[in-house]
Amino acid sequence: MSLTATTRSTTNRYLRDNFAPVREELTATDLTVTGDLPDHLDGRYLRIGPNPLGDPGDQHHWFLGEGMVHGVRLRDGEAQWYRNRWVRSADVATALDEPVRGRPGGSDFAANTNVLEHAGRTLALVEGGSPPYELTHDLDTVGPCDFGGTLPSLPGRPGYSAHPHEDPVTGELHAVSYSWMRGNRVDYSVLDTSGRIRRSVEIQVHGSPMMHDFALTERHVVILDLPVTFDVGMATADVPRPVRPVVRGVLNRIIGRNPVSERLIAQVARGGGGSPSLPYRWNPDYPARIGVLPRDADGEAIRWFEIDPCFVFHTLNAYDDGEQVVVDVIRHPRMFATVLNGPDEGAATMARFTLDLASGTAREVGLDQRSQEFPRHDERLTGRRHRYGYAVGFEAGTLGDTVLRHDLDAGTTQVRRLGAGAEASEFCFVPRPGGTAEDDGVLLGYVHRRAEGLSDLRVLDAATLEDVAAVHLPGRVPAGFHGNWSPTRP
């Protein structure tokens, strides 16, 4: 499937260069490989990101493009295929003159933030109230997924998270989900290995924050209640001027306090085609805090720890250390304060928060001052003490050619430059079968080659960051969000 796009200049950085959307869905087989792919790589590397279907205009926010998933199938030392496909939400299917898949229910969006496999389903995920979408093995859209009827999909419900974390012992998927329609409540849920939500706990937060990620330990859930919050003015910019004060007045009395009624949601939606900008903004009056909730407790048992104002999109990992909870994060000094169409408010650095359950205090220390994002670790250690972490370096607010390997025990960082003109994306760790060392495996990630306008799937040795192999793709994989290795199941 290909679309003809109107070519025009734009001042929006998130519509130019490698942020620009691709307009064609490709299928390519028997891909060219440089180097030697490890034989144990039997599965699919999947990654997703925003890829606007039409022309979203110069005010477009990077986070709001319709999702497109990119995948490479590896087996027996070969790269068997590459595919890229838009996620067919109802609007995308209609725009492509295709039948609508399934019944999305309340909020509906072409999921664009994460893609993973759980309980035999390939899931495209997004946050903020929209449902996950299930995909086939070949990345075609099955339809919205409600986890066997256990995920509420009515307006005003939280949808699901874009950033669940799997417990490596139980195989269950833990998530914290938010939506502006939920007022000052977020939901912690546990998705069991059969693909059904077996536990859901409501947690009260201070207002209506954006909550992209959280952290999991063996005993606790770690909640990030930080000062990027729903902005009524931005959300109602398209509401007709005569009724705008009334709608804003009603929303200001509700948002961050109570769930929003279906009638009011519909009223706001009828006001216009929706704001072209994400309706979340830096709120200097909102307290920054981290919550710690025992995994088997009710929401009232959460304990809050105040921290200095900042914003966190991504945690690296967390673990229990006696009466302390240790959380490693990528810390932004603020977010969406002056730049409103993407994350660019100063260097994002790696930091550690230590939350003392005995004293009720929080301590923050910097771990690495290089600008970076998309932290990953050996997920066999999710919720357990970790030594190594990986991230991608940023330059002037955009992805550079640097991959970072942090040794948190030694306090050192190894830096790998991928070469002039290369743009790295998130790399995920894949362990070597039978290997027990935390860095015994490879890193997988897409890298864009600016000069050729093409991308590769790069394979790096996780211990040395040296090249192992590169799969050369027939097209470009735009700058995007999260990816995961999906191994072939026996």
Protein backbone atom coordinates (compact mmCIF):
# COMPACT_ATOMS: atom_id res chain seq x y z
CA MET A 1 0.00 0.00 0.00
CA SER A 2 1.35 3.43 -0.92
CA LEU A 3 -0.01 6.94 -0.63
CA THR A 4 0.75 10.02 -2.66
CA ALA A 5 1.70 12.81 -0.28
CA THR A 6 1.67 16.52 -0.98
CA THR A 7 5.26 17.72 -0.94
CA ARG A 8 5.69 21.04 0.83
CA SER A 9 8.20 22.73 3.08
CA THR A 10 7.53 22.73 6.80
CA THR A 11 9.06 24.37 9.84
CA ASN A 12 8.12 21.39 12.01
CA ARG A 13 11.24 19.33 12.75
CA TYR A 14 9.03 16.29 13.44
CA LEU A 15 7.93 16.22 9.80
CA ARG A 16 11.41 16.57 8.28
CA ASP A 17 14.51 14.45 7.75
CA ASN A 18 14.22 11.07 9.47
CA PHE A 19 11.12 12.18 11.38
CA ALA A 20 9.27 12.49 8.07
CA PRO A 21 6.73 9.72 7.49
CA VAL A 22 7.19 7.06 4.86
CA ARG A 23 4.35 6.66 2.40
CA GLU A 24 4.67 3.08 1.24
CA GLU A 25 4.11 -0.29 2.87
CA LEU A 26 6.85 -2.67 1.76
CA THR A 27 7.36 -6.41 1.79
CA ALA A 28 10.86 -7.62 1.00
CA THR A 29 12.35 -11.12 1.31
CA ASP A 30 15.85 -12.61 1.41
CA LEU A 31 17.47 -9.45 2.71
CA THR A 32 21.16 -8.72 2.29
CA VAL A 33 23.24 -9.20 5.45
CA THR A 34 26.69 -7.88 6.28
CA GLY A 35 28.50 -9.96 8.89
CA ASP A 36 27.10 -13.11 10.47
CA LEU A 37 23.72 -13.22 12.17
CA PRO A 38 23.85 -15.46 15.26
CA ASP A 39 22.02 -18.72 14.61
CA HIS A 40 20.12 -18.40 17.88
CA LEU A 41 18.24 -15.35 16.60
CA ASP A 42 15.01 -17.09 15.59
CA GLY A 43 12.12 -14.64 15.68
CA ARG A 44 11.06 -11.12 14.76
CA TYR A 45 12.51 -7.77 15.71
CA LEU A 46 9.55 -5.38 15.89
CA ARG A 47 9.50 -1.63 16.36
CA ILE A 48 6.76 0.98 16.07
CA GLY A 49 6.49 4.74 15.76
CA PRO A 50 4.30 7.61 14.57
CA ASN A 51 3.84 7.83 10.82
CA PRO A 52 1.16 10.38 9.85
CA LEU A 53 -1.18 9.05 7.20
CA GLY A 54 -1.96 12.47 5.74
CA ASP A 55 -0.60 15.99 6.10
CA PRO A 56 -1.03 16.87 9.80
CA GLY A 57 0.01 20.53 9.43
CA ASP A 58 2.89 22.52 10.83
CA GLN A 59 1.58 22.37 14.43
CA HIS A 60 1.75 18.58 14.44
CA HIS A 61 2.99 16.90 17.63
CA TRP A 62 5.37 13.99 17.08
CA PHE A 63 3.42 11.74 19.47
CA LEU A 64 0.18 12.01 17.47
CA GLY A 65 1.06 10.37 14.16
CA GLU A 66 -0.73 7.16 13.26
CA GLY A 67 1.28 4.11 14.23
CA MET A 68 3.37 2.12 11.75
CA VAL A 69 5.11 -1.09 12.77
CA HIS A 70 8.37 -2.28 11.17
CA GLY A 71 9.55 -5.88 11.47
CA VAL A 72 12.40 -8.14 10.37
CA ARG A 73 12.16 -11.94 10.52
CA LEU A 74 15.45 -13.67 11.40
CA ARG A 75 16.10 -17.43 11.25
CA ASP A 76 19.05 -19.77 10.64
CA GLY A 77 21.46 -16.89 10.19
CA GLU A 78 19.29 -15.28 7.50
CA ALA A 79 16.98 -12.27 7.31
CA GLN A 80 13.89 -13.78 5.72
CA TRP A 81 11.68 -10.70 5.43
CA TYR A 82 11.06 -7.06 6.21
CA ARG A 83 7.57 -5.57 6.45
CA ASN A 84 6.15 -2.21 7.49
CA ARG A 85 2.43 -1.70 8.06
CA TRP A 86 0.16 1.02 9.40
CA VAL A 87 -1.93 -0.07 12.36
CA ARG A 88 -5.49 -0.10 11.01
CA SER A 89 -7.54 1.85 13.52
CA ALA A 90 -11.04 2.66 12.27
CA ASP A 91 -9.89 6.00 10.83
CA VAL A 92 -6.83 4.52 9.13
CA ALA A 93 -8.81 1.67 7.61
CA THR A 94 -11.40 4.13 6.33
CA ALA A 95 -8.72 6.42 4.86
CA LEU A 96 -7.18 3.44 3.07
CA ASP A 97 -10.61 2.38 1.78
CA GLU A 98 -10.47 -0.89 3.72
CA PRO A 99 -12.98 -2.59 6.02
CA VAL A 100 -12.81 -1.57 9.68
CA ARG A 101 -11.36 -4.36 11.79
CA GLY A 102 -13.34 -5.07 14.96
CA ARG A 103 -15.18 -2.67 17.23
CA PRO A 104 -12.83 -0.23 18.97
CA GLY A 105 -15.38 0.91 21.56
CA GLY A 106 -14.55 4.23 23.26
CA SER A 107 -11.41 6.14 22.34
CA ASP A 108 -9.71 4.81 19.20
CA PHE A 109 -6.25 5.54 17.84
CA ALA A 110 -3.75 3.79 15.57
CA ALA A 111 -1.40 2.63 18.35
CA ASN A 112 2.08 4.07 17.79
CA THR A 113 4.21 3.69 20.92
CA ASN A 114 5.20 0.09 21.66
CA VAL A 115 4.90 -3.35 20.07
CA LEU A 116 5.44 -6.65 21.83
CA GLU A 117 4.24 -10.22 22.07
CA HIS A 118 2.34 -11.59 25.06
CA ALA A 119 0.22 -14.70 25.50
CA GLY A 120 0.53 -15.51 21.79
CA ARG A 121 -0.67 -12.07 20.66
CA THR A 122 1.39 -9.43 18.87
CA LEU A 123 0.19 -6.16 20.41
CA ALA A 124 0.60 -2.56 19.25
CA LEU A 125 0.25 -0.31 22.30
CA VAL A 126 -0.54 3.30 23.03
CA GLU A 127 -1.45 5.15 26.22
CA GLY A 128 -3.92 7.82 27.25
CA GLY A 129 -7.19 5.89 26.91
CA SER A 130 -7.06 4.06 23.58
CA PRO A 131 -7.05 0.26 23.32
CA PRO A 132 -4.20 -1.97 22.16
CA TYR A 133 -4.40 -3.39 18.64
CA GLU A 134 -3.65 -7.01 17.86
CA LEU A 135 -1.50 -7.78 14.80
CA THR A 136 -0.82 -10.96 12.89
CA HIS A 137 2.61 -12.57 12.70
CA ASP A 138 3.06 -10.74 9.38
CA LEU A 139 2.03 -7.40 10.99
CA ASP A 140 -1.41 -7.05 9.45
CA THR A 141 -4.09 -5.67 11.78
CA VAL A 142 -6.52 -8.07 13.45
CA GLY A 143 -8.36 -5.37 15.42
CA PRO A 144 -8.60 -3.76 18.85
CA CYS A 145 -7.81 -6.08 21.76
CA ASP A 146 -9.70 -6.06 25.06
CA PHE A 147 -7.85 -9.02 26.59
CA GLY A 148 -10.77 -11.40 26.34
CA GLY A 149 -13.27 -8.85 27.61
CA THR A 150 -11.25 -7.99 30.72
CA LEU A 151 -10.11 -4.53 29.54
CA PRO A 152 -12.86 -1.91 29.85
CA SER A 153 -13.20 0.01 26.59
CA LEU A 154 -15.89 2.54 27.43
CA PRO A 155 -15.24 6.31 27.31
CA GLY A 156 -13.73 7.47 30.58
CA ARG A 157 -11.78 4.26 31.15
CA PRO A 158 -7.97 4.20 31.02
CA GLY A 159 -7.40 2.00 27.99
CA TYR A 160 -4.00 0.39 28.48
CA SER A 161 -0.39 1.41 28.96
CA ALA A 162 2.25 1.83 26.26
CA HIS A 163 4.89 0.68 28.75
CA PRO A 164 4.03 -2.57 30.53
CA HIS A 165 6.78 -4.57 32.22
CA GLU A 166 6.93 -8.35 32.34
CA ASP A 167 7.87 -10.11 35.56
CA PRO A 168 10.57 -12.56 34.43
CA VAL A 169 9.52 -15.17 37.02
CA THR A 170 5.73 -15.25 36.51
CA GLY A 171 5.59 -14.11 32.87
CA GLU A 172 2.77 -11.73 33.80
CA LEU A 173 2.59 -8.25 32.29
CA HIS A 174 2.27 -5.38 34.78
CA ALA A 175 1.02 -1.95 33.65
CA VAL A 176 0.02 1.49 34.93
CA SER A 177 -2.59 3.14 32.70
CA TYR A 178 -3.79 6.75 32.69
CA SER A 179 -6.27 8.95 30.83
CA TRP A 180 -7.36 12.55 31.25
CA MET A 181 -10.90 11.19 31.35
CA ARG A 182 -10.09 9.38 34.62
CA GLY A 183 -9.55 12.53 36.66
CA ASN A 184 -7.03 11.96 39.45
CA ARG A 185 -7.01 8.18 39.14
CA VAL A 186 -4.67 5.78 37.39
CA ASP A 187 -4.95 2.01 37.19
CA TYR A 188 -2.37 -0.64 38.02
CA SER A 189 -3.15 -3.95 36.33
CA VAL A 190 -1.69 -7.43 35.96
CA LEU A 191 -2.19 -9.33 32.69
CA ASP A 192 -1.76 -13.05 33.25
CA THR A 193 -0.06 -15.56 30.97
CA SER A 194 -3.40 -16.48 29.36
CA GLY A 195 -3.83 -12.87 28.20
CA ARG A 196 -6.53 -11.82 30.68
CA ILE A 197 -6.37 -9.08 33.31
CA ARG A 198 -6.48 -10.87 36.66
CA ARG A 199 -5.94 -7.85 38.92
CA SER A 200 -6.74 -4.14 38.65
CA VAL A 201 -6.12 -1.54 41.36
CA GLU A 202 -7.17 2.12 41.29
CA ILE A 203 -4.57 4.59 42.56
CA GLN A 204 -5.28 8.24 43.38
CA VAL A 205 -2.70 10.73 42.14
CA HIS A 206 -2.46 14.48 42.65
CA GLY A 207 -4.16 15.61 39.44
CA SER A 208 -4.21 14.49 35.81
CA PRO A 209 -0.57 13.76 34.88
CA MET A 210 1.01 12.20 31.82
CA MET A 211 2.41 8.89 33.02
CA HIS A 212 4.29 7.19 30.19
CA ASP A 213 6.25 4.66 32.25
CA PHE A 214 6.54 3.20 35.74
CA ALA A 215 8.86 0.67 37.38
CA LEU A 216 8.46 -2.75 38.90
CA THR A 217 10.42 -4.45 41.68
CA GLU A 218 9.95 -7.89 43.19
CA ARG A 219 7.70 -6.42 45.90
CA HIS A 220 6.59 -3.01 44.68
CA VAL A 221 5.09 -0.92 41.90
CA VAL A 222 6.77 2.48 41.44
CA ILE A 223 4.47 5.31 40.24
CA LEU A 224 5.77 8.56 38.69
CA ASP A 225 3.43 11.48 39.49
CA LEU A 226 5.25 14.35 37.78
CA PRO A 227 4.43 17.90 36.62
CA VAL A 228 3.32 17.36 33.02
CA THR A 229 -0.45 17.53 33.23
CA PHE A 230 -3.56 17.77 31.08
CA ASP A 231 -4.01 21.34 29.81
CA VAL A 232 -7.63 22.39 29.37
CA GLY A 233 -6.75 25.39 27.19
CA MET A 234 -4.88 23.26 24.67
CA ALA A 235 -7.53 20.57 24.69
CA THR A 236 -10.36 23.00 23.93
CA ALA A 237 -8.59 25.16 21.35
CA ASP A 238 -10.94 23.85 18.62
CA VAL A 239 -14.15 24.23 20.63
CA PRO A 240 -16.32 26.99 19.05
CA ARG A 241 -15.54 30.35 20.63
CA PRO A 242 -19.08 31.13 21.97
CA VAL A 243 -19.16 27.98 24.14
CA ARG A 244 -15.44 27.71 24.88
CA PRO A 245 -15.57 29.51 28.30
CA VAL A 246 -18.39 27.26 29.46
CA VAL A 247 -16.65 24.06 28.36
CA ARG A 248 -13.35 25.16 29.90
CA GLY A 249 -15.06 26.11 33.15
CA VAL A 250 -16.71 22.72 33.44
CA LEU A 251 -13.50 20.87 32.58
CA ASN A 252 -11.44 22.90 35.07
CA ARG A 253 -13.79 21.79 37.82
CA ILE A 254 -13.46 18.14 36.84
CA ILE A 255 -10.05 17.42 35.31
CA GLY A 256 -7.68 16.04 37.91
CA ARG A 257 -10.49 15.51 40.38
CA ASN A 258 -13.22 13.26 39.02
CA PRO A 259 -13.83 10.98 36.04
CA VAL A 260 -15.30 12.80 33.03
CA SER A 261 -18.80 11.87 31.93
CA GLU A 262 -19.40 10.32 28.52
CA ARG A 263 -21.68 13.24 27.65
CA LEU A 264 -18.95 15.79 28.33
CA ILE A 265 -16.37 13.78 26.38
CA ALA A 266 -18.72 13.77 23.40
CA GLN A 267 -19.33 17.51 23.78
CA VAL A 268 -15.61 18.29 23.67
CA ALA A 269 -15.14 15.94 20.73
CA ARG A 270 -17.91 17.69 18.78
CA GLY A 271 -16.19 21.03 19.29
CA GLY A 272 -13.75 20.36 16.47
CA GLY A 273 -11.45 17.90 14.87
CA GLY A 274 -9.27 17.73 17.95
CA SER A 275 -6.29 19.86 18.85
CA PRO A 276 -3.26 19.39 16.60
CA SER A 277 -1.09 19.46 19.70
CA LEU A 278 -0.82 17.04 22.58
CA PRO A 279 -2.98 18.47 25.41
CA TYR A 280 -0.30 18.00 28.10
CA ARG A 281 2.04 20.71 29.31
CA TRP A 282 4.60 21.48 31.99
CA ASN A 283 2.81 22.57 35.18
CA PRO A 284 5.21 24.33 37.62
CA ASP A 285 2.55 24.31 40.36
CA TYR A 286 2.19 20.52 40.32
CA PRO A 287 4.21 18.61 42.95
CA ALA A 288 6.80 16.10 41.72
CA ARG A 289 6.70 12.82 43.60
CA ILE A 290 7.28 9.08 43.32
CA GLY A 291 4.87 6.57 44.80
CA VAL A 292 5.69 3.08 46.10
CA LEU A 293 2.85 0.56 46.32
CA PRO A 294 3.21 -3.07 47.45
CA ARG A 295 2.27 -5.24 44.49
CA ASP A 296 -0.46 -7.10 46.41
CA ALA A 297 -1.95 -4.05 48.21
CA ASP A 298 -4.93 -1.77 47.56
CA GLY A 299 -4.32 1.70 46.15
CA GLU A 300 -4.67 3.37 49.56
CA ALA A 301 -1.42 1.71 50.69
CA ILE A 302 0.74 3.80 48.36
CA ARG A 303 3.49 5.92 49.95
CA TRP A 304 4.63 9.14 48.29
CA PHE A 305 8.16 10.56 48.17
CA GLU A 306 8.68 14.19 47.11
CA ILE A 307 11.48 14.91 44.62
CA ASP A 308 12.76 17.97 42.78
CA PRO A 309 10.70 18.94 39.71
CA CYS A 310 11.58 16.93 36.61
CA PHE A 311 9.97 14.64 34.08
CA VAL A 312 10.65 10.99 33.30
CA PHE A 313 9.51 9.26 30.13
CA HIS A 314 11.47 6.07 30.80
CA THR A 315 12.79 4.02 33.66
CA LEU A 316 15.76 1.73 33.13
CA ASN A 317 14.89 -0.68 35.96
CA ALA A 318 14.18 -0.79 39.69
CA TYR A 319 14.85 -3.17 42.57
CA ASP A 320 14.34 -3.63 46.29
CA ASP A 321 17.40 -3.19 48.53
CA GLY A 322 16.30 -4.04 52.06
CA GLU A 323 14.07 -1.17 53.19
CA GLN A 324 14.99 0.88 50.13
CA VAL A 325 13.61 0.97 46.60
CA VAL A 326 16.17 1.92 43.94
CA VAL A 327 14.91 3.35 40.62
CA ASP A 328 17.14 4.25 37.66
CA VAL A 329 15.59 6.68 35.16
CA ILE A 330 16.28 9.08 32.32
CA ARG A 331 15.61 12.47 33.88
CA HIS A 332 14.43 15.49 31.88
CA PRO A 333 14.69 18.88 33.62
CA ARG A 334 11.16 19.68 32.38
CA MET A 335 8.92 18.82 29.43
CA PHE A 336 6.53 20.66 27.10
CA ALA A 337 7.23 24.02 28.72
CA THR A 338 8.49 25.95 25.68
CA VAL A 339 8.67 23.29 22.95
CA LEU A 340 5.16 21.91 22.46
CA ASN A 341 5.49 19.51 19.53
CA GLY A 342 8.06 17.06 20.89
CA PRO A 343 10.51 16.37 23.74
CA ASP A 344 13.23 19.05 23.61
CA GLU A 345 13.63 20.89 26.92
CA GLY A 346 17.29 20.32 27.75
CA ALA A 347 19.60 17.37 28.21
CA ALA A 348 18.03 14.14 29.47
CA THR A 349 20.48 12.41 31.79
CA MET A 350 20.60 9.15 33.72
CA ALA A 351 19.77 9.44 37.41
CA ARG A 352 19.06 7.17 40.37
CA PHE A 353 16.37 7.71 42.98
CA THR A 354 16.70 5.82 46.27
CA LEU A 355 13.45 5.76 48.23
CA ASP A 356 13.89 4.90 51.91
CA LEU A 357 10.78 3.18 53.21
CA ALA A 358 11.98 3.45 56.82
CA SER A 359 12.66 7.20 56.87
CA GLY A 360 10.21 8.28 54.15
CA THR A 361 12.92 10.22 52.30
CA ALA A 362 14.11 10.23 48.70
CA ARG A 363 17.68 10.73 47.50
CA GLU A 364 18.68 11.54 43.92
CA VAL A 365 22.13 11.11 42.36
CA GLY A 366 23.27 11.57 38.77
CA LEU A 367 24.67 8.49 37.05
CA ASP A 368 25.66 9.86 33.64
CA GLN A 369 25.41 13.42 32.35
CA ARG A 370 25.40 12.66 28.63
CA SER A 371 22.15 13.49 26.88
CA GLN A 372 20.37 10.18 26.21
CA GLU A 373 17.08 8.32 26.02
CA PHE A 374 15.47 4.91 25.39
CA PRO A 375 17.17 3.03 28.26
CA ARG A 376 17.10 -0.79 28.14
CA HIS A 377 18.50 -3.61 30.26
CA ASP A 378 18.58 -7.39 30.40
CA GLU A 379 14.88 -7.98 31.02
CA ARG A 380 15.58 -11.29 32.73
CA LEU A 381 16.43 -8.92 35.61
CA THR A 382 13.33 -6.72 35.54
CA GLY A 383 12.60 -5.80 39.15
CA ARG A 384 15.93 -7.28 40.28
CA ARG A 385 19.32 -5.71 40.88
CA HIS A 386 21.01 -4.91 37.56
CA ARG A 387 24.52 -3.90 36.63
CA TYR A 388 24.32 -2.85 32.98
CA GLY A 389 22.08 -0.49 31.09
CA TYR A 390 22.03 0.65 27.46
CA ALA A 391 20.82 3.90 25.96
CA VAL A 392 21.00 5.99 22.78
CA GLY A 393 22.76 9.35 22.76
CA PHE A 394 20.93 12.52 21.72
CA GLU A 395 22.41 15.55 19.97
CA ALA A 396 20.57 18.89 20.03
CA GLY A 397 17.32 17.18 20.95
CA THR A 398 17.44 14.54 18.25
CA LEU A 399 18.87 11.06 17.85
CA GLY A 400 22.58 10.85 17.17
CA ASP A 401 24.95 8.02 16.22
CA THR A 402 25.89 7.03 19.78
CA VAL A 403 25.09 3.87 21.71
CA LEU A 404 25.92 3.92 25.43
CA ARG A 405 26.70 0.97 27.71
CA HIS A 406 26.54 1.85 31.40
CA ASP A 407 28.32 -0.26 34.01
CA LEU A 408 26.46 0.96 37.08
CA ASP A 409 28.60 -1.03 39.52
CA ALA A 410 31.85 0.39 38.20
CA GLY A 411 30.39 3.82 37.47
CA THR A 412 31.71 3.82 33.91
CA THR A 413 30.16 4.27 30.47
CA GLN A 414 31.35 2.81 27.19
CA VAL A 415 30.55 4.90 24.11
CA ARG A 416 30.13 3.50 20.60
CA ARG A 417 29.85 5.86 17.65
CA LEU A 418 28.10 4.19 14.72
CA GLY A 419 29.56 6.55 12.14
CA ALA A 420 28.99 9.92 10.51
CA GLY A 421 25.51 10.23 9.06
CA ALA A 422 24.07 7.41 11.18
CA GLU A 423 21.01 7.92 13.39
CA ALA A 424 20.46 5.28 16.03
CA SER A 425 17.12 4.30 17.53
CA GLU A 426 16.34 2.26 20.63
CA PHE A 427 18.38 -0.94 21.01
CA CYS A 428 16.99 -3.90 22.93
CA PHE A 429 19.01 -6.67 24.59
CA VAL A 430 18.60 -10.31 23.49
CA PRO A 431 20.40 -12.88 25.67
CA ARG A 432 22.37 -15.74 24.22
CA PRO A 433 20.57 -19.02 24.95
CA GLY A 434 22.26 -20.69 27.88
CA GLY A 435 24.19 -17.56 28.75
CA THR A 436 23.97 -16.44 32.35
CA ALA A 437 26.08 -13.27 32.32
CA GLU A 438 24.03 -10.09 32.24
CA ASP A 439 25.75 -8.83 29.09
CA ASP A 440 26.06 -12.17 27.28
CA GLY A 441 23.98 -11.45 24.21
CA VAL A 442 23.38 -8.91 21.47
CA LEU A 443 21.67 -5.57 21.00
CA LEU A 444 19.17 -5.09 18.16
CA GLY A 445 18.08 -1.72 16.78
CA TYR A 446 17.33 0.17 13.58
CA VAL A 447 19.89 2.67 12.32
CA HIS A 448 19.17 5.22 9.59
CA ARG A 449 21.83 6.07 7.02
CA ARG A 450 21.20 9.69 6.03
CA ALA A 451 23.33 9.70 2.89
CA GLU A 452 21.46 6.77 1.32
CA GLY A 453 18.05 7.48 2.85
CA LEU A 454 17.87 3.84 3.97
CA SER A 455 17.94 1.96 7.26
CA ASP A 456 19.59 -1.17 8.63
CA LEU A 457 18.83 -3.51 11.47
CA ARG A 458 22.12 -3.43 13.36
CA VAL A 459 23.28 -6.23 15.65
CA LEU A 460 25.91 -5.29 18.27
CA ASP A 461 27.72 -7.40 20.83
CA ALA A 462 26.22 -6.35 24.17
CA ALA A 463 29.50 -6.72 26.06
CA THR A 464 31.74 -4.79 23.65
CA LEU A 465 29.34 -2.80 21.42
CA GLU A 466 31.26 -4.12 18.42
CA ASP A 467 29.46 -4.95 15.18
CA VAL A 468 28.09 -8.45 14.75
CA ALA A 469 25.89 -8.01 11.67
CA ALA A 470 23.70 -5.59 9.74
CA VAL A 471 20.52 -6.39 7.83
CA HIS A 472 20.08 -3.93 4.96
CA LEU A 473 16.48 -2.83 4.51
CA PRO A 474 14.81 -1.72 1.26
CA GLY A 475 13.45 1.47 2.79
CA ARG A 476 13.73 3.93 5.64
CA VAL A 477 12.56 3.32 9.20
CA PRO A 478 11.65 6.78 10.54
CA ALA A 479 12.61 7.91 14.01
CA GLY A 480 10.15 6.24 16.33
CA PHE A 481 9.62 4.77 19.74
CA HIS A 482 9.85 1.26 21.17
CA GLY A 483 10.80 -2.13 19.83
CA ASN A 484 11.15 -5.66 21.17
CA TRP A 485 12.50 -9.03 20.18
CA SER A 486 9.75 -11.60 19.67
CA PRO A 487 11.34 -15.07 19.69
CA THR A 488 9.75 -17.98 17.89
CA ARG A 489 7.93 -20.11 20.46
CA PRO A 490 8.36 -23.91 20.48
